[in-house]
């Protein structure tokens, strides 16, 4: 059985910080992401825009892939990053678009 990129990331995190990995799996993805007040799609939109705005680029490609899985379209992600460019900065948005392009290219 092939190991997913998500599982590989979690295994690497466990090797360094097992308690943090446990909290990530059980609390963040096991509870917070499953709460019903916001859809998975909305949570993905919020997460991607926060990561781009805060320049947390190391995490953004993982969450861009999840955003597509959760139903966001390319056009919606482009519109969201364009919108935050005026609040988070032009270079920050440009960096976000570079990562969005990488994810899109991997999917094609």
C-alpha atoms as a PDB file:
ATOM      1  CA  UNK A   1       0.000   0.000   0.000  1.00  0.00           C
ATOM      2  CA  UNK A   2       1.412   3.371  -1.011  1.00  0.00           C
ATOM      3  CA  UNK A   3       2.061   5.952   1.665  1.00  0.00           C
ATOM      4  CA  UNK A   4       0.207   9.200   0.990  1.00  0.00           C
ATOM      5  CA  UNK A   5       1.953  12.572   1.139  1.00  0.00           C
ATOM      6  CA  UNK A   6      -0.259  13.393   4.108  1.00  0.00           C
ATOM      7  CA  UNK A   7       0.828  10.240   5.973  1.00  0.00           C
ATOM      8  CA  UNK A   8       4.491  10.850   5.122  1.00  0.00           C
ATOM      9  CA  UNK A   9       4.241  14.378   6.527  1.00  0.00           C
ATOM     10  CA  UNK A  10       2.593  13.104   9.692  1.00  0.00           C
ATOM     11  CA  UNK A  11       5.224  10.357  10.115  1.00  0.00           C
ATOM     12  CA  UNK A  12       8.008  12.934   9.763  1.00  0.00           C
ATOM     13  CA  UNK A  13       6.315  15.160  12.334  1.00  0.00           C
ATOM     14  CA  UNK A  14       5.901  12.214  14.723  1.00  0.00           C
ATOM     15  CA  UNK A  15       9.622  11.484  14.483  1.00  0.00           C
ATOM     16  CA  UNK A  16      10.456  14.987  15.704  1.00  0.00           C
ATOM     17  CA  UNK A  17       7.510  15.947  17.905  1.00  0.00           C
ATOM     18  CA  UNK A  18       5.222  13.004  18.679  1.00  0.00           C
ATOM     19  CA  UNK A  19       2.939  14.911  21.072  1.00  0.00           C
ATOM     20  CA  UNK A  20       2.485  17.750  18.566  1.00  0.00           C
ATOM     21  CA  UNK A  21       1.689  15.195  15.849  1.00  0.00           C
ATOM     22  CA  UNK A  22      -0.889  13.598  18.145  1.00  0.00           C
ATOM     23  CA  UNK A  23      -2.502  16.980  18.830  1.00  0.00           C
ATOM     24  CA  UNK A  24      -2.513  17.735  15.113  1.00  0.00           C
ATOM     25  CA  UNK A  25      -4.275  14.472  14.278  1.00  0.00           C
ATOM     26  CA  UNK A  26      -6.669  14.293  17.208  1.00  0.00           C
ATOM     27  CA  UNK A  27      -7.482  17.917  18.004  1.00  0.00           C
ATOM     28  CA  UNK A  28      -6.931  19.893  14.807  1.00  0.00           C
ATOM     29  CA  UNK A  29      -7.994  17.375  12.158  1.00  0.00           C
ATOM     30  CA  UNK A  30     -10.001  15.076  14.427  1.00  0.00           C
ATOM     31  CA  UNK A  31     -12.083  17.788  16.127  1.00  0.00           C
ATOM     32  CA  UNK A  32     -11.677  21.355  14.855  1.00  0.00           C
ATOM     33  CA  UNK A  33     -11.889  20.468  11.158  1.00  0.00           C
ATOM     34  CA  UNK A  34     -14.940  18.260  11.790  1.00  0.00           C
ATOM     35  CA  UNK A  35     -17.032  20.828  13.612  1.00  0.00           C
ATOM     36  CA  UNK A  36     -20.247  21.554  11.698  1.00  0.00           C
ATOM     37  CA  UNK A  37     -20.471  25.356  11.967  1.00  0.00           C
ATOM     38  CA  UNK A  38     -18.329  25.850   8.849  1.00  0.00           C
ATOM     39  CA  UNK A  39     -18.120  23.573   5.838  1.00  0.00           C
ATOM     40  CA  UNK A  40     -14.837  21.887   4.921  1.00  0.00           C
ATOM     41  CA  UNK A  41     -14.793  24.134   1.870  1.00  0.00           C
ATOM     42  CA  UNK A  42     -15.095  27.298   3.975  1.00  0.00           C
ATOM     43  CA  UNK A  43     -12.436  26.105   6.399  1.00  0.00           C
ATOM     44  CA  UNK A  44     -10.099  25.476   3.468  1.00  0.00           C
ATOM     45  CA  UNK A  45     -10.711  28.947   2.059  1.00  0.00           C
ATOM     46  CA  UNK A  46     -10.005  30.537   5.434  1.00  0.00           C
ATOM     47  CA  UNK A  47      -6.919  28.405   6.019  1.00  0.00           C
ATOM     48  CA  UNK A  48      -5.368  29.051   2.607  1.00  0.00           C
ATOM     49  CA  UNK A  49      -5.910  32.799   2.796  1.00  0.00           C
ATOM     50  CA  UNK A  50      -4.475  32.952   6.334  1.00  0.00           C
ATOM     51  CA  UNK A  51      -1.415  30.924   5.368  1.00  0.00           C
ATOM     52  CA  UNK A  52      -0.751  33.081   2.307  1.00  0.00           C
ATOM     53  CA  UNK A  53      -1.373  36.335   4.207  1.00  0.00           C
ATOM     54  CA  UNK A  54       0.935  35.263   7.030  1.00  0.00           C
ATOM     55  CA  UNK A  55       3.523  34.008   4.516  1.00  0.00           C
ATOM     56  CA  UNK A  56       3.423  30.486   5.985  1.00  0.00           C
ATOM     57  CA  UNK A  57       4.307  29.132   2.584  1.00  0.00           C
ATOM     58  CA  UNK A  58       5.708  25.811   3.852  1.00  0.00           C
ATOM     59  CA  UNK A  59       2.156  24.762   4.739  1.00  0.00           C
ATOM     60  CA  UNK A  60       0.263  26.340   1.851  1.00  0.00           C
ATOM     61  CA  UNK A  61       0.639  23.667  -0.841  1.00  0.00           C
ATOM     62  CA  UNK A  62      -0.744  20.959   1.436  1.00  0.00           C
ATOM     63  CA  UNK A  63      -3.746  23.153   2.187  1.00  0.00           C
ATOM     64  CA  UNK A  64      -4.203  24.206  -1.451  1.00  0.00           C
ATOM     65  CA  UNK A  65      -4.517  20.523  -2.355  1.00  0.00           C
ATOM     66  CA  UNK A  66      -7.034  20.086   0.453  1.00  0.00           C
ATOM     67  CA  UNK A  67      -8.911  23.154  -0.780  1.00  0.00           C
ATOM     68  CA  UNK A  68      -9.383  21.526  -4.188  1.00  0.00           C
ATOM     69  CA  UNK A  69     -10.437  18.265  -2.508  1.00  0.00           C
ATOM     70  CA  UNK A  70     -12.936  20.256  -0.423  1.00  0.00           C
ATOM     71  CA  UNK A  71     -14.572  21.767  -3.503  1.00  0.00           C
ATOM     72  CA  UNK A  72     -12.866  25.102  -4.064  1.00  0.00           C
ATOM     73  CA  UNK A  73     -12.179  25.990  -7.671  1.00  0.00           C
ATOM     74  CA  UNK A  74      -9.099  27.500  -9.229  1.00  0.00           C
ATOM     75  CA  UNK A  75     -11.073  30.682  -9.923  1.00  0.00           C
ATOM     76  CA  UNK A  76     -12.189  30.987  -6.293  1.00  0.00           C
ATOM     77  CA  UNK A  77      -8.647  30.522  -4.978  1.00  0.00           C
ATOM     78  CA  UNK A  78      -7.291  33.076  -7.454  1.00  0.00           C
ATOM     79  CA  UNK A  79      -9.999  35.542  -6.398  1.00  0.00           C
ATOM     80  CA  UNK A  80      -9.261  34.986  -2.695  1.00  0.00           C
ATOM     81  CA  UNK A  81      -5.512  35.513  -3.069  1.00  0.00           C
ATOM     82  CA  UNK A  82      -6.105  38.557  -5.276  1.00  0.00           C
ATOM     83  CA  UNK A  83      -8.418  39.980  -2.623  1.00  0.00           C
ATOM     84  CA  UNK A  84      -5.927  39.556   0.209  1.00  0.00           C
ATOM     85  CA  UNK A  85      -3.134  41.133  -1.870  1.00  0.00           C
ATOM     86  CA  UNK A  86      -4.539  44.513  -0.901  1.00  0.00           C
ATOM     87  CA  UNK A  87      -4.405  43.637   2.808  1.00  0.00           C
ATOM     88  CA  UNK A  88      -1.411  41.301   3.111  1.00  0.00           C
ATOM     89  CA  UNK A  89       0.813  42.764   0.410  1.00  0.00           C
ATOM     90  CA  UNK A  90       1.441  42.302  -3.271  1.00  0.00           C
ATOM     91  CA  UNK A  91       4.599  40.169  -2.881  1.00  0.00           C
ATOM     92  CA  UNK A  92       2.796  37.896  -0.430  1.00  0.00           C
ATOM     93  CA  UNK A  93       0.008  37.276  -2.941  1.00  0.00           C
ATOM     94  CA  UNK A  94       2.515  36.741  -5.760  1.00  0.00           C
ATOM     95  CA  UNK A  95       4.229  34.090  -3.649  1.00  0.00           C
ATOM     96  CA  UNK A  96       0.862  32.455  -2.966  1.00  0.00           C
ATOM     97  CA  UNK A  97       0.155  32.363  -6.711  1.00  0.00           C
ATOM     98  CA  UNK A  98       3.495  30.638  -7.351  1.00  0.00           C
ATOM     99  CA  UNK A  99       2.450  27.855  -4.996  1.00  0.00           C
ATOM    100  CA  UNK A 100      -1.048  27.688  -6.454  1.00  0.00           C
ATOM    101  CA  UNK A 101       0.483  27.238  -9.905  1.00  0.00           C
ATOM    102  CA  UNK A 102       2.674  24.401  -8.613  1.00  0.00           C
ATOM    103  CA  UNK A 103      -0.335  22.596  -7.172  1.00  0.00           C
ATOM    104  CA  UNK A 104      -2.341  23.100 -10.369  1.00  0.00           C
ATOM    105  CA  UNK A 105       0.583  21.855 -12.493  1.00  0.00           C
ATOM    106  CA  UNK A 106       0.849  18.713 -10.318  1.00  0.00           C
ATOM    107  CA  UNK A 107      -2.840  17.995 -10.840  1.00  0.00           C
ATOM    108  CA  UNK A 108      -2.696  18.234 -14.636  1.00  0.00           C
END
